[in-house]
C-alpha atoms as a PDB file:
ATOM      1  CA  MET A   1     210.664  36.174 274.682  1.00  0.00           C
ATOM      2  CA  SER A   2     213.200  33.735 273.902  1.00  0.00           C
ATOM      3  CA  PRO A   3     212.662  30.050 275.261  1.00  0.00           C
ATOM      4  CA  PRO A   4     214.257  29.209 278.591  1.00  0.00           C
ATOM      5  CA  PRO A   5     217.299  27.962 279.124  1.00  0.00           C
ATOM      6  CA  GLU A   6     217.873  24.297 279.947  1.00  0.00           C
ATOM      7  CA  GLY A   7     216.941  22.939 283.253  1.00  0.00           C
ATOM      8  CA  GLU A   8     214.173  25.847 283.392  1.00  0.00           C
ATOM      9  CA  PRO A   9     210.682  24.176 283.288  1.00  0.00           C
ATOM     10  CA  ARG A  10     208.167  25.352 281.054  1.00  0.00           C
ATOM     11  CA  LEU A  11     204.883  26.679 282.893  1.00  0.00           C
ATOM     12  CA  THR A  12     201.674  27.577 282.205  1.00  0.00           C
ATOM     13  CA  LEU A  13     199.743  30.511 283.866  1.00  0.00           C
ATOM     14  CA  GLY A  14     196.148  30.308 283.900  1.00  0.00           C
ATOM     15  CA  HIS A  15     193.432  33.100 285.101  1.00  0.00           C
ATOM     16  CA  ARG A  16     190.019  33.020 285.647  1.00  0.00           C
ATOM     17  CA  THR A  17     189.362  33.532 282.225  1.00  0.00           C
ATOM     18  CA  GLY A  18     191.016  29.999 281.686  1.00  0.00           C
ATOM     19  CA  SER A  19     193.572  31.259 278.880  1.00  0.00           C
ATOM     20  CA  GLY A  20     196.332  29.204 280.145  1.00  0.00           C
ATOM     21  CA  LEU A  21     199.134  30.800 278.294  1.00  0.00           C
ATOM     22  CA  PRO A  22     202.821  29.257 278.396  1.00  0.00           C
ATOM     23  CA  LEU A  23     205.205  31.235 280.098  1.00  0.00           C
ATOM     24  CA  TRP A  24     208.734  30.963 279.644  1.00  0.00           C
ATOM     25  CA  LEU A  25     209.748  32.872 282.719  1.00  0.00           C
ATOM     26  CA  PRO A  26     212.050  31.438 285.414  1.00  0.00           C
ATOM     27  CA  PHE A  27     210.464  30.661 289.265  1.00  0.00           C
ATOM     28  CA  ARG A  28     211.606  33.666 290.148  1.00  0.00           C
ATOM     29  CA  ILE A  29     209.617  36.154 288.386  1.00  0.00           C
ATOM     30  CA  LEU A  30     206.412  33.763 288.797  1.00  0.00           C
ATOM     31  CA  ASP A  31     206.711  33.438 293.043  1.00  0.00           C
ATOM     32  CA  HIS A  32     203.892  36.514 293.154  1.00  0.00           C
ATOM     33  CA  ARG A  33     201.321  34.332 290.629  1.00  0.00           C
ATOM     34  CA  ARG A  34     199.309  31.369 290.489  1.00  0.00           C
ATOM     35  CA  VAL A  35     201.250  28.823 288.859  1.00  0.00           C
ATOM     36  CA  TYR A  36     197.954  26.203 288.035  1.00  0.00           C
ATOM     37  CA  ALA A  37     200.135  23.725 286.069  1.00  0.00           C
ATOM     38  CA  MET A  38     203.520  22.646 284.868  1.00  0.00           C
ATOM     39  CA  LEU A  39     203.346  21.350 281.143  1.00  0.00           C
ATOM     40  CA  PRO A  40     204.191  17.466 280.860  1.00  0.00           C
ATOM     41  CA  SER A  41     206.598  18.245 278.380  1.00  0.00           C
ATOM     42  CA  THR A  42     209.114  18.964 280.370  1.00  0.00           C
ATOM     43  CA  SER A  43     210.043  17.883 283.908  1.00  0.00           C
ATOM     44  CA  PRO A  44     212.845  19.313 285.888  1.00  0.00           C
ATOM     45  CA  PRO A  45     215.604  17.306 287.249  1.00  0.00           C
ATOM     46  CA  GLY A  46     214.984  15.488 290.221  1.00  0.00           C
ATOM     47  CA  SER A  47     211.159  15.501 289.660  1.00  0.00           C
ATOM     48  CA  SER A  48     208.817  12.717 290.951  1.00  0.00           C
ATOM     49  CA  ARG A  49     207.979  12.327 287.245  1.00  0.00           C
ATOM     50  CA  GLU A  50     211.551  10.641 286.192  1.00  0.00           C
ATOM     51  CA  ALA A  51     211.539   8.443 289.570  1.00  0.00           C
ATOM     52  CA  GLY A  52     208.337   6.761 288.335  1.00  0.00           C
ATOM     53  CA  GLY A  53     205.924   8.188 291.096  1.00  0.00           C
ATOM     54  CA  GLY A  54     203.042   9.190 289.094  1.00  0.00           C
ATOM     55  CA  PRO A  55     201.513  12.673 287.977  1.00  0.00           C
ATOM     56  CA  CYS A  56     202.623  14.470 290.920  1.00  0.00           C
ATOM     57  CA  VAL A  57     205.352  16.931 289.895  1.00  0.00           C
ATOM     58  CA  ARG A  58     207.297  18.491 292.808  1.00  0.00           C
ATOM     59  CA  THR A  59     209.891  21.233 291.948  1.00  0.00           C
ATOM     60  CA  GLN A  60     212.923  22.074 293.628  1.00  0.00           C
ATOM     61  CA  ALA A  61     213.410  26.009 292.826  1.00  0.00           C
ATOM     62  CA  ALA A  62     210.151  27.037 293.980  1.00  0.00           C
ATOM     63  CA  GLY A  63     208.475  24.227 296.024  1.00  0.00           C
ATOM     64  CA  ILE A  64     205.488  24.335 293.271  1.00  0.00           C
ATOM     65  CA  GLU A  65     203.605  21.442 293.396  1.00  0.00           C
ATOM     66  CA  SER A  66     201.050  19.858 290.491  1.00  0.00           C
ATOM     67  CA  SER A  67     198.984  16.948 291.023  1.00  0.00           C
ATOM     68  CA  ALA A  68     196.416  14.636 289.157  1.00  0.00           C
ATOM     69  CA  PRO A  69     194.371  12.318 290.571  1.00  0.00           C
ATOM     70  CA  SER A  70     196.217   9.068 290.612  1.00  0.00           C
ATOM     71  CA  LYS A  71     194.639   5.927 289.766  1.00  0.00           C
ATOM     72  CA  GLU A  72     194.584   4.830 293.347  1.00  0.00           C
ATOM     73  CA  SER A  73     192.385   7.717 294.516  1.00  0.00           C
ATOM     74  CA  ARG A  74     190.514   7.756 291.612  1.00  0.00           C
ATOM     75  CA  TYR A  75     189.095   4.161 292.459  1.00  0.00           C
ATOM     76  CA  ARG A  76     188.780   4.606 296.060  1.00  0.00           C
ATOM     77  CA  MET A  77     185.570   4.077 297.849  1.00  0.00           C
ATOM     78  CA  TYR A  78     183.282   6.778 298.392  1.00  0.00           C
ATOM     79  CA  ALA A  79     179.539   7.330 298.708  1.00  0.00           C
ATOM     80  CA  ILE A  80     177.199  10.077 298.480  1.00  0.00           C
ATOM     81  CA  VAL A  81     175.112  10.821 301.795  1.00  0.00           C
ATOM     82  CA  ARG A  82     172.120  12.703 302.516  1.00  0.00           C
ATOM     83  CA  ALA A  83     172.715  14.839 305.843  1.00  0.00           C
ATOM     84  CA  GLY A  84     169.942  18.217 306.502  1.00  0.00           C
ATOM     85  CA  GLY A  85     168.297  17.973 303.155  1.00  0.00           C
ATOM     86  CA  ARG A  86     171.700  18.210 301.727  1.00  0.00           C
ATOM     87  CA  GLN A  87     173.988  15.517 299.761  1.00  0.00           C
ATOM     88  CA  HIS A  88     177.485  15.467 300.180  1.00  0.00           C
ATOM     89  CA  LYS A  89     180.361  13.337 298.535  1.00  0.00           C
ATOM     90  CA  VAL A  90     182.107  11.593 301.340  1.00  0.00           C
ATOM     91  CA  ALA A  91     185.131   9.204 301.235  1.00  0.00           C
ATOM     92  CA  VAL A  92     186.735   7.481 304.747  1.00  0.00           C
ATOM     93  CA  GLY A  93     188.946  10.010 306.665  1.00  0.00           C
ATOM     94  CA  ASP A  94     187.057  13.302 305.004  1.00  0.00           C
ATOM     95  CA  VAL A  95     185.370  15.912 307.524  1.00  0.00           C
ATOM     96  CA  LEU A  96     182.706  17.645 306.710  1.00  0.00           C
ATOM     97  CA  GLU A  97     180.200  20.267 308.014  1.00  0.00           C
ATOM     98  CA  ILE A  98     176.524  18.981 307.966  1.00  0.00           C
ATOM     99  CA  ASP A  99     173.680  20.772 309.466  1.00  0.00           C
ATOM    100  CA  ARG A 100     173.243  20.927 313.152  1.00  0.00           C
ATOM    101  CA  VAL A 101     173.010  17.110 314.900  1.00  0.00           C
ATOM    102  CA  ASP A 102     172.118  17.001 318.593  1.00  0.00           C
ATOM    103  CA  ALA A 103     175.514  14.729 319.767  1.00  0.00           C
ATOM    104  CA  LYS A 104     178.483  15.831 321.822  1.00  0.00           C
ATOM    105  CA  PRO A 105     181.984  15.905 320.279  1.00  0.00           C
ATOM    106  CA  GLY A 106     183.307  11.941 320.315  1.00  0.00           C
ATOM    107  CA  ASP A 107     179.667  10.424 319.557  1.00  0.00           C
ATOM    108  CA  SER A 108     179.162   8.277 316.521  1.00  0.00           C
ATOM    109  CA  VAL A 109     176.442   9.378 314.120  1.00  0.00           C
ATOM    110  CA  GLU A 110     175.091   7.504 310.958  1.00  0.00           C
ATOM    111  CA  LEU A 111     174.282   9.338 307.660  1.00  0.00           C
ATOM    112  CA  SER A 112     172.050   7.052 304.876  1.00  0.00           C
ATOM    113  CA  THR A 113     173.788   6.611 301.820  1.00  0.00           C
ATOM    114  CA  ILE A 114     172.486   7.381 298.087  1.00  0.00           C
ATOM    115  CA  LEU A 115     175.054   6.280 296.013  1.00  0.00           C
ATOM    116  CA  VAL A 116     177.987   4.082 297.043  1.00  0.00           C
ATOM    117  CA  VAL A 117     180.965   3.400 294.740  1.00  0.00           C
ATOM    118  CA  ASP A 118     183.441   0.845 294.691  1.00  0.00           C
ATOM    119  CA  GLY A 119     186.083   0.778 292.766  1.00  0.00           C
ATOM    120  CA  GLU A 120     184.480   0.345 289.650  1.00  0.00           C
ATOM    121  CA  ALA A 121     181.198  -0.975 290.842  1.00  0.00           C
ATOM    122  CA  VAL A 122     178.615   1.445 291.364  1.00  0.00           C
ATOM    123  CA  THR A 123     175.342   1.201 293.699  1.00  0.00           C
ATOM    124  CA  SER A 124     172.353   3.303 293.640  1.00  0.00           C
ATOM    125  CA  ASP A 125     169.655   0.687 293.894  1.00  0.00           C
ATOM    126  CA  PRO A 126     167.613   1.965 297.179  1.00  0.00           C
ATOM    127  CA  TRP A 127     166.772  -1.703 298.177  1.00  0.00           C
ATOM    128  CA  VAL A 128     170.205  -2.512 297.985  1.00  0.00           C
ATOM    129  CA  LEU A 129     171.428   0.676 300.011  1.00  0.00           C
ATOM    130  CA  ALA A 130     168.532   0.571 302.649  1.00  0.00           C
ATOM    131  CA  GLY A 131     170.834  -1.054 304.997  1.00  0.00           C
ATOM    132  CA  VAL A 132     173.948   0.385 304.181  1.00  0.00           C
ATOM    133  CA  LYS A 133     175.294   3.337 306.011  1.00  0.00           C
ATOM    134  CA  ALA A 134     178.096   6.136 306.438  1.00  0.00           C
ATOM    135  CA  HIS A 135     179.462   6.026 310.035  1.00  0.00           C
ATOM    136  CA  ALA A 136     180.804   9.413 311.399  1.00  0.00           C
ATOM    137  CA  GLU A 137     182.302  10.544 314.387  1.00  0.00           C
ATOM    138  CA  VAL A 138     181.276  14.158 315.820  1.00  0.00           C
ATOM    139  CA  VAL A 139     183.972  16.319 315.850  1.00  0.00           C
ATOM    140  CA  ASP A 140     182.442  19.692 316.786  1.00  0.00           C
ATOM    141  CA  GLN A 141     179.360  21.970 316.783  1.00  0.00           C
ATOM    142  CA  THR A 142     180.461  25.179 315.108  1.00  0.00           C
ATOM    143  CA  LYS A 143     178.639  28.243 313.581  1.00  0.00           C
ATOM    144  CA  GLY A 144     178.617  29.383 310.430  1.00  0.00           C
ATOM    145  CA  GLU A 145     178.939  33.254 309.226  1.00  0.00           C
ATOM    146  CA  LYS A 146     176.602  36.138 310.126  1.00  0.00           C
ATOM    147  CA  LEU A 147     173.951  36.977 307.744  1.00  0.00           C
ATOM    148  CA  VAL A 148     172.487  40.489 308.031  1.00  0.00           C
ATOM    149  CA  ILE A 149     169.009  40.666 306.739  1.00  0.00           C
ATOM    150  CA  LEU A 150     167.915  43.836 305.948  1.00  0.00           C
ATOM    151  CA  ARG A 151     164.079  44.668 304.971  1.00  0.00           C
ATOM    152  CA  TYR A 152     163.751  48.310 303.879  1.00  0.00           C
ATOM    153  CA  LYS A 153     160.093  50.150 302.327  1.00  0.00           C
ATOM    154  CA  ASN A 154     161.392  53.373 300.629  1.00  0.00           C
ATOM    155  CA  LYS A 155     159.282  56.558 301.906  1.00  0.00           C
ATOM    156  CA  THR A 156     157.688  54.850 304.769  1.00  0.00           C
ATOM    157  CA  GLY A 157     160.391  55.072 307.034  1.00  0.00           C
ATOM    158  CA  TYR A 158     160.106  51.193 307.613  1.00  0.00           C
ATOM    159  CA  ARG A 159     163.515  49.239 308.269  1.00  0.00           C
ATOM    160  CA  ARG A 160     164.191  46.167 309.856  1.00  0.00           C
ATOM    161  CA  ARG A 161     167.353  44.619 310.724  1.00  0.00           C
ATOM    162  CA  GLN A 162     168.111  40.693 311.611  1.00  0.00           C
ATOM    163  CA  GLY A 163     171.226  38.633 312.080  1.00  0.00           C
ATOM    164  CA  HIS A 164     171.483  34.670 311.719  1.00  0.00           C
ATOM    165  CA  ARG A 165     174.232  32.469 311.984  1.00  0.00           C
ATOM    166  CA  GLN A 166     173.647  28.960 311.052  1.00  0.00           C
ATOM    167  CA  LYS A 167     174.791  25.840 313.186  1.00  0.00           C
ATOM    168  CA  PHE A 168     176.694  23.469 312.176  1.00  0.00           C
ATOM    169  CA  THR A 169     178.435  20.232 312.931  1.00  0.00           C
ATOM    170  CA  ALA A 170     181.490  18.929 311.907  1.00  0.00           C
ATOM    171  CA  VAL A 171     181.884  15.249 311.488  1.00  0.00           C
ATOM    172  CA  ARG A 172     184.452  12.758 309.945  1.00  0.00           C
ATOM    173  CA  ILE A 173     183.845   9.639 308.189  1.00  0.00           C
ATOM    174  CA  THR A 174     184.942   6.638 310.211  1.00  0.00           C
ATOM    175  CA  SER A 175     183.762   3.580 307.999  1.00  0.00           C
ATOM    176  CA  ILE A 176     181.307   3.262 305.142  1.00  0.00           C
ATOM    177  CA  ASP A 177     179.803  -0.287 304.679  1.00  0.00           C
ATOM    178  CA  SER A 178     180.392  -2.252 302.040  1.00  0.00           C
ATOM    179  CA  VAL A 179     177.391  -3.470 299.611  1.00  0.00           C
ATOM    180  CA  SER A 180     176.731  -7.060 299.830  1.00  0.00           C
ATOM    181  CA  LYS A 181     174.800  -8.232 296.862  1.00  0.00           C
END
């Protein structure tokens, strides 16, 4: 195919195989496919890159947005918390599902931290983190998807069917204590 006419951005179409082949097709042909990234070599007129808005590129033709993490989000404070035997990466404002906690919606819950990253300072010392907690507010009590458990042994007529739905609590992280040394 010939290169795109002036004003048509250059696109990369990636598949699960990760081929990332460059395509020289206009947006109207790519509407039914997944457009993963716009190559930085050409930006459409009026994109946020020209206005100095950072790495986020919004195309006006089809409303496709490709964004990479900006410096502000890369250095924002986050923590790794332990809840119900699992570890979760959380930041202020995140909503996550943890194993059921006996609390009503609107109640507050404290989660113990394993690691805290504040800007470029990383704290993983358990003695320092003993008093650092992530505070969360209970949003909802939910159930997971239905799991069907089938037990079968051939030539004996042994068949058992059982269902299970795990109970979860949705929580919103309201604050993370800062590490004071």
